[in-house]
Every structure is written in C-alpha cells, then in structure tokens.
Protein backbone atom coordinates (compact mmCIF):
# COMPACT_ATOMS: atom_id res chain seq x y z
CA UNK A 1 22.08 166.15 284.93
CA UNK A 2 25.28 166.35 286.72
CA UNK A 3 28.65 165.87 285.06
CA UNK A 4 31.70 164.31 286.69
CA UNK A 5 34.81 166.56 286.48
CA UNK A 6 37.76 164.94 284.79
CA UNK A 7 39.97 163.15 287.24
CA UNK A 8 43.45 164.61 287.89
CA UNK A 9 46.45 162.41 287.87
CA UNK A 10 48.05 161.91 291.26
CA UNK A 11 51.35 163.11 289.97
CA UNK A 12 51.50 165.28 286.86
CA UNK A 13 53.62 163.81 284.01
CA UNK A 14 56.19 166.85 284.23
CA UNK A 15 56.74 166.14 288.06
CA UNK A 16 57.22 162.34 287.24
CA UNK A 17 59.98 163.36 284.66
CA UNK A 18 61.64 165.77 287.14
CA UNK A 19 61.75 162.82 289.58
CA UNK A 20 63.31 160.59 287.00
CA UNK A 21 65.86 163.34 286.22
CA UNK A 22 66.70 163.47 290.00
CA UNK A 23 66.92 159.67 290.31
CA UNK A 24 69.21 159.29 287.41
CA UNK A 25 71.60 161.99 288.69
CA UNK A 26 71.71 160.30 292.04
CA UNK A 27 72.42 157.00 290.45
CA UNK A 28 75.33 158.35 288.26
CA UNK A 29 76.61 160.45 291.44
CA UNK A 30 76.65 157.30 293.50
CA UNK A 31 78.37 155.36 290.72
CA UNK A 32 81.31 157.86 291.10
CA UNK A 33 81.10 157.86 294.62
CA UNK A 34 81.65 153.95 294.92
CA UNK A 35 84.71 154.29 292.50
CA UNK A 36 83.11 152.16 289.86
CA UNK A 37 84.85 152.24 286.41
CA UNK A 38 85.22 150.40 283.25
CA UNK A 39 84.00 151.00 279.55
CA UNK A 40 80.62 149.44 280.02
CA UNK A 41 80.05 151.60 282.92
CA UNK A 42 81.34 154.73 281.25
CA UNK A 43 78.83 154.09 278.21
CA UNK A 44 75.88 153.33 280.68
CA UNK A 45 76.63 156.74 282.33
CA UNK A 46 76.83 158.54 278.93
CA UNK A 47 73.64 157.04 277.69
CA UNK A 48 71.90 158.23 280.97
CA UNK A 49 73.25 161.82 280.45
CA UNK A 50 71.99 161.70 276.76
CA UNK A 51 68.75 160.40 277.87
CA UNK A 52 68.37 163.13 280.60
CA UNK A 53 69.16 165.59 277.68
CA UNK A 54 66.31 164.22 275.69
CA UNK A 55 63.93 164.45 278.69
CA UNK A 56 64.89 168.08 279.21
CA UNK A 57 64.44 169.05 275.55
CA UNK A 58 61.14 167.19 275.41
CA UNK A 59 59.35 167.93 278.66
CA UNK A 60 61.00 171.34 280.16
CA UNK A 61 62.01 172.94 276.73
CA UNK A 62 58.49 172.12 275.19
CA UNK A 63 59.94 170.23 272.31
CA UNK A 64 57.78 167.10 272.36
CA UNK A 65 55.21 169.07 270.45
CA UNK A 66 57.66 169.90 267.58
CA UNK A 67 57.48 167.86 264.44
CA UNK A 68 59.95 168.06 261.40
CA UNK A 69 63.12 169.73 261.17
CA UNK A 70 63.71 171.11 264.76
CA UNK A 71 63.11 167.52 266.02
CA UNK A 72 65.86 166.44 263.94
CA UNK A 73 68.07 169.30 265.17
CA UNK A 74 67.68 168.40 268.84
CA UNK A 75 68.19 164.74 268.14
CA UNK A 76 71.55 165.31 266.03
CA UNK A 77 72.51 167.87 268.91
CA UNK A 78 72.53 164.89 271.52
CA UNK A 79 73.57 162.20 269.31
CA UNK A 80 76.52 163.67 267.52
CA UNK A 81 78.54 164.70 270.46
CA UNK A 82 77.32 161.78 272.58
CA UNK A 83 78.28 159.32 269.71
CA UNK A 84 81.83 161.11 269.51
CA UNK A 85 82.39 160.90 273.37
CA UNK A 86 81.42 157.03 273.24
CA UNK A 87 83.93 156.71 270.42
CA UNK A 88 86.74 158.34 272.45
CA UNK A 89 85.92 155.98 275.35
CA UNK A 90 85.81 152.89 273.14
CA UNK A 91 89.28 153.97 271.54
CA UNK A 92 90.93 154.88 274.65
CA UNK A 93 90.00 151.58 276.38
CA UNK A 94 91.19 149.57 273.29
CA UNK A 95 94.68 150.44 273.56
C-alpha cells in the first residue's frame, strides 16, 4: 500500500506574512509620497505600524506559540506606546 505524502502549501505562511509586511510598508510609503495628511489617515498609518509589530512578534520572533504572561507583555509593549501616540495625534488635531 502506498501512502500519499502530505501536500505542501504553494507559499509558506511565513512567506505570506513577509509579503504582507512588505505590502503594508509600500502602502504607508505611498501615502507619505502622495502628501496625504489628516487625523484619520495618521491613525490608520499608526494602526498599520502596530499591526506590523504584532505580525513581527508573532511570526518572526516566534511568540505566537507563547501563552500567559509573555503574551501580555508583548501586547502591552505594542498597545501602550501606540495608544499614547494616538492620544497625542488626537489632542494635537483638536486644538
């Protein structure tokens, strides 16, 4: 009896994450090149940067397998500075 070897995906998941990171970087670069500005766009670009940080931590630092305390440390490490930067953007546009 012959067994069929498991099929490999066409593109590995880490390669897809890498391509997503490159695409998001190009999007933020193009946004700056076009001279777009405004509070909404600033918050979107900040959100993209935080999402990229999350992808880096999960896939390239290997933290997607970590549970418990370290998972919270990484989340707070991303969200606290990101939230403070967002607050700074919002407060600067208000007045």
